[in-house]
Amino acid sequence: PHTGIPDRGYGGDSGPLGWQLAFPFLQEQLYEIYGDRVTMEKHYGAIRRQMEFLQAKAVDGLFHWDIGDHEALDPRAEAFSAASFYYHHALLAAKFAGILEKKEDSISYSRLSGAIKRAIVRKYLIPGTGRFDNATQAAQIFALWYEFSPEKEKTMEVLMDEFARHKGHLSTGIFSTKMMFDVMRKNNLNDVAYSLANAEGFPGWRHMLDNGATTLWETWEYPEKYPSQNHPMFGSISEWFFRSLLGINAAEPGFKKILLKPQPAGDLTWAKGKYLSVRGEVASDWKISGEQFSWNISIPPNTTAVVCIPSTEGKTVMVDSKPLAT
């Protein structure tokens, strides 16, 4: 919704696309984390109206203006992020229609999302380079998170070069910071995420701590008067602790099936924590001693889990003090 400030909205009391995305994105989170389908059913009519509104406002099949990656330190790829958010809306609309068994809508929104994706790749990929738009950290992360790149390895290489150019620090904003942790987890690059999360000096979470922060700031720099000094900005690091370090993830909506896949990183020798899912407590407790990795896990009753054990080939894996093979 429009907030009364210059927010790059699209008329009709609408706000910028990244913030409009909160409406369907939250519904998806409620479904994936809690298995809540009721909210999705209740608001599906509004999702359809939102999609009608967006399709009517698109120019040449895309969107071209937005606030972009709020508080990113590099120049923002505004049009690229706007187009990406439009694609995300279409993806979610197709997903909801599929879950709710609205076949015609599902087909229609799937076709729309495919058309948007093809248009984005044509417009923003520099062929043969893996670079998207201005090739900042945020732009490359957007391309990887949305799986736009047909040149994934090159796109990742450009991103790693950008991390190096910033001397191992992030230049990301509200969206791409969260996306970075997801991209690193899904590509088994948690050492990179750990290094960025633990980097000393500006910008970073250590910089906030070293300057007396007891709550997260809205900006990487200390906000003397404004913006906010107590904000969920950059709070995705807390999700990284349990999803990547502890390895606790939902494999099916509502944690009926759980994926346990810890990704030890850096100089960490242990991690221990619990996640209270809608079905009960999921616990992950690991430690490294020499070349031995020990891990204790527990899952709620009436759930199952896929367990991914960090190991190198040829090493002995023991479960409940017995060799895995037996």
C-alpha atoms as a PDB file:
ATOM      1  CA  PRO A   1       0.000   0.000   0.000  1.00  0.00           C
ATOM      2  CA  HIS A   2       0.933   3.646  -0.465  1.00  0.00           C
ATOM      3  CA  THR A   3       2.590   5.052   2.660  1.00  0.00           C
ATOM      4  CA  GLY A   4       2.370   8.766   1.922  1.00  0.00           C
ATOM      5  CA  ILE A   5       6.062   9.111   1.012  1.00  0.00           C
ATOM      6  CA  PRO A   6       7.636   9.157  -2.480  1.00  0.00           C
ATOM      7  CA  ASP A   7       7.837   5.401  -2.867  1.00  0.00           C
ATOM      8  CA  ARG A   8       7.848   4.709  -6.614  1.00  0.00           C
ATOM      9  CA  GLY A   9       4.355   3.210  -6.603  1.00  0.00           C
ATOM     10  CA  TYR A  10       2.111   2.580  -9.596  1.00  0.00           C
ATOM     11  CA  GLY A  11      -1.006   4.578  -8.783  1.00  0.00           C
ATOM     12  CA  GLY A  12      -4.223   3.330  -7.240  1.00  0.00           C
ATOM     13  CA  ASP A  13      -2.723   3.799  -3.757  1.00  0.00           C
ATOM     14  CA  SER A  14      -0.134   1.121  -4.538  1.00  0.00           C
ATOM     15  CA  GLY A  15       3.426   1.050  -3.267  1.00  0.00           C
ATOM     16  CA  PRO A  16       6.596  -0.112  -5.042  1.00  0.00           C
ATOM     17  CA  LEU A  17       6.670  -3.648  -6.411  1.00  0.00           C
ATOM     18  CA  GLY A  18       9.115  -5.054  -3.854  1.00  0.00           C
ATOM     19  CA  TRP A  19       6.803  -3.955  -1.052  1.00  0.00           C
ATOM     20  CA  GLN A  20       3.645  -5.096  -2.851  1.00  0.00           C
ATOM     21  CA  LEU A  21       5.332  -8.497  -2.895  1.00  0.00           C
ATOM     22  CA  ALA A  22       4.918  -8.721   0.886  1.00  0.00           C
ATOM     23  CA  PHE A  23       1.232  -9.607   0.427  1.00  0.00           C
ATOM     24  CA  PRO A  24       1.702 -12.878  -1.513  1.00  0.00           C
ATOM     25  CA  PHE A  25       5.154 -13.644  -0.061  1.00  0.00           C
ATOM     26  CA  LEU A  26       3.844 -13.723   3.514  1.00  0.00           C
ATOM     27  CA  GLN A  27       1.049 -16.079   2.450  1.00  0.00           C
ATOM     28  CA  GLU A  28       3.639 -18.405   0.915  1.00  0.00           C
ATOM     29  CA  GLN A  29       5.671 -18.323   4.135  1.00  0.00           C
ATOM     30  CA  LEU A  30       2.584 -19.156   6.220  1.00  0.00           C
ATOM     31  CA  TYR A  31       1.942 -22.119   3.927  1.00  0.00           C
ATOM     32  CA  GLU A  32       5.523 -23.414   3.806  1.00  0.00           C
ATOM     33  CA  ILE A  33       6.337 -22.951   7.503  1.00  0.00           C
ATOM     34  CA  TYR A  34       2.955 -23.638   9.130  1.00  0.00           C
ATOM     35  CA  GLY A  35       1.060 -25.561   6.440  1.00  0.00           C
ATOM     36  CA  ASP A  36      -1.558 -22.778   6.475  1.00  0.00           C
ATOM     37  CA  ARG A  37      -3.667 -23.089   3.338  1.00  0.00           C
ATOM     38  CA  VAL A  38      -6.672 -21.215   4.774  1.00  0.00           C
ATOM     39  CA  THR A  39      -5.062 -17.768   4.476  1.00  0.00           C
ATOM     40  CA  MET A  40      -4.190 -18.481   0.851  1.00  0.00           C
ATOM     41  CA  GLU A  41      -7.779 -19.513   0.074  1.00  0.00           C
ATOM     42  CA  LYS A  42      -9.220 -16.509   1.889  1.00  0.00           C
ATOM     43  CA  HIS A  43      -7.131 -13.974  -0.019  1.00  0.00           C
ATOM     44  CA  TYR A  44      -6.940 -15.627  -3.443  1.00  0.00           C
ATOM     45  CA  GLY A  45      -9.479 -13.195  -4.902  1.00  0.00           C
ATOM     46  CA  ALA A  46      -7.275 -10.291  -3.851  1.00  0.00           C
ATOM     47  CA  ILE A  47      -4.225 -11.973  -5.401  1.00  0.00           C
ATOM     48  CA  ARG A  48      -6.111 -12.224  -8.708  1.00  0.00           C
ATOM     49  CA  ARG A  49      -7.047  -8.528  -8.540  1.00  0.00           C
ATOM     50  CA  GLN A  50      -3.448  -7.645  -7.738  1.00  0.00           C
ATOM     51  CA  MET A  51      -2.244  -9.584 -10.778  1.00  0.00           C
ATOM     52  CA  GLU A  52      -4.842  -7.880 -12.988  1.00  0.00           C
ATOM     53  CA  PHE A  53      -3.623  -4.520 -11.691  1.00  0.00           C
ATOM     54  CA  LEU A  54       0.030  -5.373 -12.353  1.00  0.00           C
ATOM     55  CA  GLN A  55      -0.593  -6.765 -15.815  1.00  0.00           C
ATOM     56  CA  ALA A  56      -2.438  -3.557 -16.703  1.00  0.00           C
ATOM     57  CA  LYS A  57       0.520  -1.442 -15.524  1.00  0.00           C
ATOM     58  CA  ALA A  58       3.309  -3.437 -17.225  1.00  0.00           C
ATOM     59  CA  VAL A  59       5.187  -1.713 -20.074  1.00  0.00           C
ATOM     60  CA  ASP A  60       6.435  -4.008 -22.851  1.00  0.00           C
ATOM     61  CA  GLY A  61       5.722  -6.958 -20.552  1.00  0.00           C
ATOM     62  CA  LEU A  62       7.967  -5.736 -17.719  1.00  0.00           C
ATOM     63  CA  PHE A  63       8.227  -3.137 -14.960  1.00  0.00           C
ATOM     64  CA  HIS A  64      10.963  -0.528 -15.072  1.00  0.00           C
ATOM     65  CA  TRP A  65      10.903   1.497 -11.851  1.00  0.00           C
ATOM     66  CA  ASP A  66      10.973   0.677  -8.143  1.00  0.00           C
ATOM     67  CA  ILE A  67      12.741   1.633  -4.911  1.00  0.00           C
ATOM     68  CA  GLY A  68      15.001  -1.300  -5.701  1.00  0.00           C
ATOM     69  CA  ASP A  69      17.315  -2.985  -3.215  1.00  0.00           C
ATOM     70  CA  HIS A  70      16.737  -0.523  -0.351  1.00  0.00           C
ATOM     71  CA  GLU A  71      19.944   0.631   1.387  1.00  0.00           C
ATOM     72  CA  ALA A  72      22.309  -1.210  -0.958  1.00  0.00           C
ATOM     73  CA  LEU A  73      25.684   0.534  -1.074  1.00  0.00           C
ATOM     74  CA  ASP A  74      26.260   0.051  -4.805  1.00  0.00           C
ATOM     75  CA  PRO A  75      24.167   1.787  -7.489  1.00  0.00           C
ATOM     76  CA  ARG A  76      20.803   0.035  -7.612  1.00  0.00           C
ATOM     77  CA  ALA A  77      19.702  -1.962 -10.643  1.00  0.00           C
ATOM     78  CA  GLU A  78      16.248  -0.425 -10.277  1.00  0.00           C
ATOM     79  CA  ALA A  79      14.584  -1.613 -13.482  1.00  0.00           C
ATOM     80  CA  PHE A  80      16.057  -5.123 -13.189  1.00  0.00           C
ATOM     81  CA  SER A  81      14.791  -5.505  -9.631  1.00  0.00           C
ATOM     82  CA  ALA A  82      11.342  -4.174 -10.621  1.00  0.00           C
ATOM     83  CA  ALA A  83      11.103  -6.744 -13.415  1.00  0.00           C
ATOM     84  CA  SER A  84      12.267  -9.468 -11.008  1.00  0.00           C
ATOM     85  CA  PHE A  85       9.571  -8.571  -8.488  1.00  0.00           C
ATOM     86  CA  TYR A  86       6.934  -8.753 -11.239  1.00  0.00           C
ATOM     87  CA  TYR A  87       8.217 -12.231 -12.101  1.00  0.00           C
ATOM     88  CA  HIS A  88       8.014 -13.204  -8.422  1.00  0.00           C
ATOM     89  CA  HIS A  89       4.379 -12.077  -8.249  1.00  0.00           C
ATOM     90  CA  ALA A  90       3.533 -14.250 -11.260  1.00  0.00           C
ATOM     91  CA  LEU A  91       5.394 -17.243  -9.805  1.00  0.00           C
ATOM     92  CA  LEU A  92       3.485 -17.011  -6.528  1.00  0.00           C
ATOM     93  CA  ALA A  93       0.133 -16.550  -8.282  1.00  0.00           C
ATOM     94  CA  ALA A  94       0.826 -19.712 -10.312  1.00  0.00           C
ATOM     95  CA  LYS A  95       1.874 -21.613  -7.177  1.00  0.00           C
ATOM     96  CA  PHE A  96      -1.246 -20.584  -5.244  1.00  0.00           C
ATOM     97  CA  ALA A  97      -3.534 -21.466  -8.158  1.00  0.00           C
ATOM     98  CA  GLY A  98      -1.885 -24.885  -8.372  1.00  0.00           C
ATOM     99  CA  ILE A  99      -2.245 -25.563  -4.645  1.00  0.00           C
ATOM    100  CA  LEU A 100      -5.892 -24.452  -4.704  1.00  0.00           C
ATOM    101  CA  GLU A 101      -6.533 -26.580  -7.833  1.00  0.00           C
ATOM    102  CA  LYS A 102      -7.524 -23.643 -10.025  1.00  0.00           C
ATOM    103  CA  LYS A 103      -6.197 -25.201 -13.205  1.00  0.00           C
ATOM    104  CA  GLU A 104      -6.895 -22.423 -15.727  1.00  0.00           C
ATOM    105  CA  ASP A 105      -5.339 -19.764 -13.487  1.00  0.00           C
ATOM    106  CA  SER A 106      -2.343 -21.999 -12.814  1.00  0.00           C
ATOM    107  CA  ILE A 107      -1.679 -22.437 -16.533  1.00  0.00           C
ATOM    108  CA  SER A 108      -2.218 -18.731 -17.247  1.00  0.00           C
ATOM    109  CA  TYR A 109       0.087 -17.479 -14.494  1.00  0.00           C
ATOM    110  CA  SER A 110       2.732 -20.099 -15.337  1.00  0.00           C
ATOM    111  CA  ARG A 111       2.777 -18.875 -18.930  1.00  0.00           C
ATOM    112  CA  LEU A 112       2.996 -15.277 -17.712  1.00  0.00           C
ATOM    113  CA  SER A 113       5.941 -16.041 -15.424  1.00  0.00           C
ATOM    114  CA  GLY A 114       7.719 -17.841 -18.263  1.00  0.00           C
ATOM    115  CA  ALA A 115       7.233 -14.885 -20.592  1.00  0.00           C
ATOM    116  CA  ILE A 116       8.516 -12.438 -17.953  1.00  0.00           C
ATOM    117  CA  LYS A 117      11.588 -14.577 -17.296  1.00  0.00           C
ATOM    118  CA  ARG A 118      12.479 -14.789 -20.987  1.00  0.00           C
ATOM    119  CA  ALA A 119      12.058 -11.021 -21.357  1.00  0.00           C
ATOM    120  CA  ILE A 120      14.296 -10.382 -18.319  1.00  0.00           C
ATOM    121  CA  VAL A 121      17.081 -12.618 -19.643  1.00  0.00           C
ATOM    122  CA  ARG A 122      16.902 -10.978 -23.098  1.00  0.00           C
ATOM    123  CA  LYS A 123      17.035  -7.485 -21.646  1.00  0.00           C
ATOM    124  CA  TYR A 124      19.453  -7.778 -18.720  1.00  0.00           C
ATOM    125  CA  LEU A 125      21.928 -10.627 -19.377  1.00  0.00           C
ATOM    126  CA  ILE A 126      25.124  -9.664 -21.198  1.00  0.00           C
ATOM    127  CA  PRO A 127      25.581 -12.921 -23.169  1.00  0.00           C
ATOM    128  CA  GLY A 128      28.766 -14.882 -22.582  1.00  0.00           C
ATOM    129  CA  THR A 129      29.723 -12.935 -19.451  1.00  0.00           C
ATOM    130  CA  GLY A 130      27.251 -14.102 -16.793  1.00  0.00           C
ATOM    131  CA  ARG A 131      26.691 -10.418 -15.925  1.00  0.00           C
ATOM    132  CA  PHE A 132      23.206  -9.062 -15.277  1.00  0.00           C
ATOM    133  CA  ASP A 133      22.437  -5.351 -15.597  1.00  0.00           C
ATOM    134  CA  ASN A 134      25.124  -3.384 -13.707  1.00  0.00           C
ATOM    135  CA  ALA A 135      26.645  -6.620 -12.297  1.00  0.00           C
ATOM    136  CA  THR A 136      26.726  -5.399  -8.689  1.00  0.00           C
ATOM    137  CA  GLN A 137      26.506  -7.909  -5.855  1.00  0.00           C
ATOM    138  CA  ALA A 138      22.755  -7.319  -5.689  1.00  0.00           C
ATOM    139  CA  ALA A 139      22.206  -7.764  -9.443  1.00  0.00           C
ATOM    140  CA  GLN A 140      24.178 -11.019  -9.559  1.00  0.00           C
ATOM    141  CA  ILE A 141      22.427 -12.325  -6.439  1.00  0.00           C
ATOM    142  CA  PHE A 142      19.001 -11.503  -7.902  1.00  0.00           C
ATOM    143  CA  ALA A 143      19.925 -13.433 -11.060  1.00  0.00           C
ATOM    144  CA  LEU A 144      21.044 -16.480  -9.048  1.00  0.00           C
ATOM    145  CA  TRP A 145      18.178 -16.415  -6.515  1.00  0.00           C
ATOM    146  CA  TYR A 146      15.534 -16.228  -9.257  1.00  0.00           C
ATOM    147  CA  GLU A 147      17.464 -18.739 -11.408  1.00  0.00           C
ATOM    148  CA  PHE A 148      17.519 -16.388 -14.384  1.00  0.00           C
ATOM    149  CA  SER A 149      21.023 -17.199 -15.549  1.00  0.00           C
ATOM    150  CA  PRO A 150      21.674 -19.757 -18.288  1.00  0.00           C
ATOM    151  CA  GLU A 151      25.343 -19.126 -17.452  1.00  0.00           C
ATOM    152  CA  LYS A 152      25.194 -19.895 -13.752  1.00  0.00           C
ATOM    153  CA  GLU A 153      28.911 -20.585 -13.234  1.00  0.00           C
ATOM    154  CA  LYS A 154      29.904 -17.318 -14.883  1.00  0.00           C
ATOM    155  CA  THR A 155      27.221 -15.414 -12.964  1.00  0.00           C
ATOM    156  CA  MET A 156      28.595 -16.874  -9.718  1.00  0.00           C
ATOM    157  CA  GLU A 157      32.165 -15.992 -10.715  1.00  0.00           C
ATOM    158  CA  VAL A 158      31.180 -12.355 -11.280  1.00  0.00           C
ATOM    159  CA  LEU A 159      29.519 -12.335  -7.847  1.00  0.00           C
ATOM    160  CA  MET A 160      32.653 -13.716  -6.178  1.00  0.00           C
ATOM    161  CA  ASP A 161      34.714 -11.050  -7.959  1.00  0.00           C
ATOM    162  CA  GLU A 162      32.355  -8.415  -6.556  1.00  0.00           C
ATOM    163  CA  PHE A 163      32.791  -9.772  -3.015  1.00  0.00           C
ATOM    164  CA  ALA A 164      36.565  -9.551  -3.538  1.00  0.00           C
ATOM    165  CA  ARG A 165      36.303  -6.012  -4.939  1.00  0.00           C
ATOM    166  CA  HIS A 166      34.546  -5.031  -1.709  1.00  0.00           C
ATOM    167  CA  LYS A 167      37.312  -6.736   0.300  1.00  0.00           C
ATOM    168  CA  GLY A 168      35.100  -9.504   1.627  1.00  0.00           C
ATOM    169  CA  HIS A 169      32.197  -7.262   2.628  1.00  0.00           C
ATOM    170  CA  LEU A 170      28.622  -6.995   1.438  1.00  0.00           C
ATOM    171  CA  SER A 171      27.242  -4.060  -0.529  1.00  0.00           C
ATOM    172  CA  THR A 172      23.721  -5.512  -0.521  1.00  0.00           C
ATOM    173  CA  GLY A 173      20.383  -4.081   0.604  1.00  0.00           C
ATOM    174  CA  ILE A 174      17.149  -5.330   2.148  1.00  0.00           C
ATOM    175  CA  PHE A 175      16.361  -7.967  -0.504  1.00  0.00           C
ATOM    176  CA  SER A 176      19.709  -9.242  -1.772  1.00  0.00           C
ATOM    177  CA  THR A 177      21.150  -9.714   1.728  1.00  0.00           C
ATOM    178  CA  LYS A 178      18.476 -12.326   2.458  1.00  0.00           C
ATOM    179  CA  MET A 179      18.879 -13.789  -1.030  1.00  0.00           C
ATOM    180  CA  MET A 180      22.661 -14.081  -0.570  1.00  0.00           C
ATOM    181  CA  PHE A 181      22.270 -16.449   2.389  1.00  0.00           C
ATOM    182  CA  ASP A 182      19.801 -18.575   0.391  1.00  0.00           C
ATOM    183  CA  VAL A 183      22.066 -18.722  -2.678  1.00  0.00           C
ATOM    184  CA  MET A 184      25.089 -19.750  -0.616  1.00  0.00           C
ATOM    185  CA  ARG A 185      23.104 -22.429   1.257  1.00  0.00           C
ATOM    186  CA  LYS A 186      21.628 -23.952  -1.892  1.00  0.00           C
ATOM    187  CA  ASN A 187      25.036 -24.042  -3.599  1.00  0.00           C
ATOM    188  CA  ASN A 188      26.955 -25.459  -0.605  1.00  0.00           C
ATOM    189  CA  LEU A 189      28.983 -22.260  -0.272  1.00  0.00           C
ATOM    190  CA  ASN A 190      28.387 -21.622   3.411  1.00  0.00           C
ATOM    191  CA  ASP A 191      32.072 -20.786   3.931  1.00  0.00           C
ATOM    192  CA  VAL A 192      31.464 -17.707   1.789  1.00  0.00           C
ATOM    193  CA  ALA A 193      28.319 -16.785   3.746  1.00  0.00           C
ATOM    194  CA  TYR A 194      30.188 -17.271   7.031  1.00  0.00           C
ATOM    195  CA  SER A 195      33.064 -15.052   5.902  1.00  0.00           C
ATOM    196  CA  LEU A 196      30.662 -12.275   4.859  1.00  0.00           C
ATOM    197  CA  ALA A 197      28.573 -12.595   8.027  1.00  0.00           C
ATOM    198  CA  ASN A 198      31.658 -12.526  10.245  1.00  0.00           C
ATOM    199  CA  ALA A 199      33.594  -9.780   8.434  1.00  0.00           C
ATOM    200  CA  GLU A 200      35.069  -7.095  10.676  1.00  0.00           C
ATOM    201  CA  GLY A 201      34.763  -3.405   9.855  1.00  0.00           C
ATOM    202  CA  PHE A 202      32.275  -1.522   7.696  1.00  0.00           C
ATOM    203  CA  PRO A 203      29.858  -2.659   6.434  1.00  0.00           C
ATOM    204  CA  GLY A 204      28.551  -5.620   8.372  1.00  0.00           C
ATOM    205  CA  TRP A 205      26.946  -6.979  11.506  1.00  0.00           C
ATOM    206  CA  ARG A 206      30.280  -6.939  13.368  1.00  0.00           C
ATOM    207  CA  HIS A 207      30.511  -3.209  12.594  1.00  0.00           C
ATOM    208  CA  MET A 208      27.111  -2.688  14.240  1.00  0.00           C
ATOM    209  CA  LEU A 209      28.149  -4.689  17.319  1.00  0.00           C
ATOM    210  CA  ASP A 210      31.494  -2.921  17.584  1.00  0.00           C
ATOM    211  CA  ASN A 211      29.656   0.404  17.569  1.00  0.00           C
ATOM    212  CA  GLY A 212      27.367  -0.477  20.452  1.00  0.00           C
ATOM    213  CA  ALA A 213      24.316  -1.729  18.554  1.00  0.00           C
ATOM    214  CA  THR A 214      21.888  -3.792  20.622  1.00  0.00           C
ATOM    215  CA  THR A 215      19.307  -3.846  17.811  1.00  0.00           C
ATOM    216  CA  LEU A 216      19.701  -4.007  14.039  1.00  0.00           C
ATOM    217  CA  TRP A 217      19.992  -0.724  12.150  1.00  0.00           C
ATOM    218  CA  GLU A 218      18.080   0.073   8.970  1.00  0.00           C
ATOM    219  CA  THR A 219      21.340   1.070   7.307  1.00  0.00           C
ATOM    220  CA  TRP A 220      24.868  -0.371   7.298  1.00  0.00           C
ATOM    221  CA  GLU A 221      26.097   3.008   8.565  1.00  0.00           C
ATOM    222  CA  TYR A 222      24.969   4.201  11.992  1.00  0.00           C
ATOM    223  CA  PRO A 223      21.702   6.158  11.511  1.00  0.00           C
ATOM    224  CA  GLU A 224      22.345   9.209  13.709  1.00  0.00           C
ATOM    225  CA  LYS A 225      18.798  10.625  13.440  1.00  0.00           C
ATOM    226  CA  TYR A 226      17.034   8.577  10.775  1.00  0.00           C
ATOM    227  CA  PRO A 227      16.409   5.941   9.398  1.00  0.00           C
ATOM    228  CA  SER A 228      15.575   3.511  12.193  1.00  0.00           C
ATOM    229  CA  GLN A 229      18.009   2.167  14.785  1.00  0.00           C
ATOM    230  CA  ASN A 230      15.711  -0.806  15.563  1.00  0.00           C
ATOM    231  CA  HIS A 231      14.639  -2.461  12.341  1.00  0.00           C
ATOM    232  CA  PRO A 232      14.233  -5.919  10.776  1.00  0.00           C
ATOM    233  CA  MET A 233      16.601  -4.786   8.023  1.00  0.00           C
ATOM    234  CA  PHE A 234      19.383  -7.359   7.558  1.00  0.00           C
ATOM    235  CA  GLY A 235      17.657  -9.647  10.085  1.00  0.00           C
ATOM    236  CA  SER A 236      17.943 -12.538   7.623  1.00  0.00           C
ATOM    237  CA  ILE A 237      21.193 -13.432   9.361  1.00  0.00           C
ATOM    238  CA  SER A 238      19.108 -15.042  12.133  1.00  0.00           C
ATOM    239  CA  GLU A 239      17.469 -17.310   9.538  1.00  0.00           C
ATOM    240  CA  TRP A 240      20.961 -18.263   8.344  1.00  0.00           C
ATOM    241  CA  PHE A 241      21.846 -19.533  11.815  1.00  0.00           C
ATOM    242  CA  PHE A 242      19.159 -22.201  11.870  1.00  0.00           C
ATOM    243  CA  ARG A 243      18.785 -22.940   8.142  1.00  0.00           C
ATOM    244  CA  SER A 244      22.478 -23.137   7.213  1.00  0.00           C
ATOM    245  CA  LEU A 245      24.572 -23.623  10.348  1.00  0.00           C
ATOM    246  CA  LEU A 246      22.117 -25.908  12.170  1.00  0.00           C
ATOM    247  CA  GLY A 247      20.690 -27.202   8.887  1.00  0.00           C
ATOM    248  CA  ILE A 248      17.004 -27.132   9.909  1.00  0.00           C
ATOM    249  CA  ASN A 249      14.651 -26.725   6.947  1.00  0.00           C
ATOM    250  CA  ALA A 250      11.122 -27.734   5.998  1.00  0.00           C
ATOM    251  CA  ALA A 251      11.150 -30.324   3.208  1.00  0.00           C
ATOM    252  CA  GLU A 252       7.330 -30.268   3.016  1.00  0.00           C
ATOM    253  CA  PRO A 253       4.849 -27.573   4.079  1.00  0.00           C
ATOM    254  CA  GLY A 254       4.337 -27.350   7.826  1.00  0.00           C
ATOM    255  CA  PHE A 255       7.446 -29.427   8.661  1.00  0.00           C
ATOM    256  CA  LYS A 256       5.628 -32.708   8.016  1.00  0.00           C
ATOM    257  CA  LYS A 257       8.902 -33.703   6.372  1.00  0.00           C
ATOM    258  CA  ILE A 258      12.145 -32.092   7.488  1.00  0.00           C
ATOM    259  CA  LEU A 259      15.475 -31.570   5.766  1.00  0.00           C
ATOM    260  CA  LEU A 260      18.417 -31.691   8.167  1.00  0.00           C
ATOM    261  CA  LYS A 261      21.558 -30.508   6.382  1.00  0.00           C
ATOM    262  CA  PRO A 262      24.076 -28.605   8.517  1.00  0.00           C
ATOM    263  CA  GLN A 263      26.822 -26.715   6.715  1.00  0.00           C
ATOM    264  CA  PRO A 264      29.796 -26.203   9.062  1.00  0.00           C
ATOM    265  CA  ALA A 265      31.867 -23.216   8.011  1.00  0.00           C
ATOM    266  CA  GLY A 266      34.999 -21.258   8.787  1.00  0.00           C
ATOM    267  CA  ASP A 267      36.626 -21.891  12.137  1.00  0.00           C
ATOM    268  CA  LEU A 268      33.396 -22.966  13.872  1.00  0.00           C
ATOM    269  CA  THR A 269      33.821 -26.147  15.914  1.00  0.00           C
ATOM    270  CA  TRP A 270      30.238 -26.440  17.163  1.00  0.00           C
ATOM    271  CA  ALA A 271      26.678 -25.238  16.733  1.00  0.00           C
ATOM    272  CA  LYS A 272      23.666 -26.077  18.845  1.00  0.00           C
ATOM    273  CA  GLY A 273      20.057 -24.968  18.675  1.00  0.00           C
ATOM    274  CA  LYS A 274      16.381 -25.808  18.475  1.00  0.00           C
ATOM    275  CA  TYR A 275      13.546 -24.706  16.221  1.00  0.00           C
ATOM    276  CA  LEU A 276       9.995 -24.909  17.525  1.00  0.00           C
ATOM    277  CA  SER A 277       8.045 -25.894  14.408  1.00  0.00           C
ATOM    278  CA  VAL A 278       4.265 -26.102  14.207  1.00  0.00           C
ATOM    279  CA  ARG A 279       4.657 -29.890  14.720  1.00  0.00           C
ATOM    280  CA  GLY A 280       7.066 -29.686  17.621  1.00  0.00           C
ATOM    281  CA  GLU A 281      10.722 -29.159  18.403  1.00  0.00           C
ATOM    282  CA  VAL A 282      13.490 -29.836  15.880  1.00  0.00           C
ATOM    283  CA  ALA A 283      16.978 -29.936  17.423  1.00  0.00           C
ATOM    284  CA  SER A 284      20.437 -29.962  15.856  1.00  0.00           C
ATOM    285  CA  ASP A 285      23.642 -30.137  17.927  1.00  0.00           C
ATOM    286  CA  TRP A 286      26.999 -30.747  16.233  1.00  0.00           C
ATOM    287  CA  LYS A 287      30.666 -30.437  17.124  1.00  0.00           C
ATOM    288  CA  ILE A 288      33.973 -31.055  15.411  1.00  0.00           C
ATOM    289  CA  SER A 289      36.854 -32.654  17.317  1.00  0.00           C
ATOM    290  CA  GLY A 290      39.950 -33.311  15.219  1.00  0.00           C
ATOM    291  CA  GLU A 291      38.666 -35.131  12.143  1.00  0.00           C
ATOM    292  CA  GLN A 292      35.515 -36.349  13.865  1.00  0.00           C
ATOM    293  CA  PHE A 293      32.144 -34.739  13.300  1.00  0.00           C
ATOM    294  CA  SER A 294      29.539 -35.624  15.952  1.00  0.00           C
ATOM    295  CA  TRP A 295      25.904 -34.707  15.522  1.00  0.00           C
ATOM    296  CA  ASN A 296      22.820 -35.231  17.691  1.00  0.00           C
ATOM    297  CA  ILE A 297      19.400 -34.581  16.186  1.00  0.00           C
ATOM    298  CA  SER A 298      15.775 -34.926  17.195  1.00  0.00           C
ATOM    299  CA  ILE A 299      12.502 -34.419  15.319  1.00  0.00           C
ATOM    300  CA  PRO A 300       8.872 -34.264  16.499  1.00  0.00           C
ATOM    301  CA  PRO A 301       6.579 -37.329  16.616  1.00  0.00           C
ATOM    302  CA  ASN A 302       4.704 -38.114  13.389  1.00  0.00           C
ATOM    303  CA  THR A 303       7.279 -36.427  11.174  1.00  0.00           C
ATOM    304  CA  THR A 304      10.060 -37.790   8.978  1.00  0.00           C
ATOM    305  CA  ALA A 305      13.400 -36.286   8.020  1.00  0.00           C
ATOM    306  CA  VAL A 306      15.977 -36.508   5.278  1.00  0.00           C
ATOM    307  CA  VAL A 307      19.344 -36.390   7.058  1.00  0.00           C
ATOM    308  CA  CYS A 308      22.421 -35.187   5.151  1.00  0.00           C
ATOM    309  CA  ILE A 309      25.603 -36.124   7.031  1.00  0.00           C
ATOM    310  CA  PRO A 310      28.704 -34.019   6.292  1.00  0.00           C
ATOM    311  CA  SER A 311      31.463 -36.483   5.443  1.00  0.00           C
ATOM    312  CA  THR A 312      34.254 -37.144   2.988  1.00  0.00           C
ATOM    313  CA  GLU A 313      34.372 -40.240   0.826  1.00  0.00           C
ATOM    314  CA  GLY A 314      35.794 -43.298   2.525  1.00  0.00           C
ATOM    315  CA  LYS A 315      35.200 -42.062   6.065  1.00  0.00           C
ATOM    316  CA  THR A 316      33.297 -44.248   8.532  1.00  0.00           C
ATOM    317  CA  VAL A 317      29.809 -42.977   9.355  1.00  0.00           C
ATOM    318  CA  MET A 318      28.235 -44.233  12.590  1.00  0.00           C
ATOM    319  CA  VAL A 319      24.547 -43.974  13.525  1.00  0.00           C
ATOM    320  CA  ASP A 320      23.579 -44.731  17.141  1.00  0.00           C
ATOM    321  CA  SER A 321      27.104 -46.161  17.678  1.00  0.00           C
ATOM    322  CA  LYS A 322      26.711 -48.609  14.768  1.00  0.00           C
ATOM    323  CA  PRO A 323      28.199 -48.439  11.246  1.00  0.00           C
ATOM    324  CA  LEU A 324      25.764 -46.873   8.794  1.00  0.00           C
ATOM    325  CA  ALA A 325      26.000 -49.922   6.497  1.00  0.00           C
ATOM    326  CA  THR A 326      24.421 -52.143   9.167  1.00  0.00           C
END
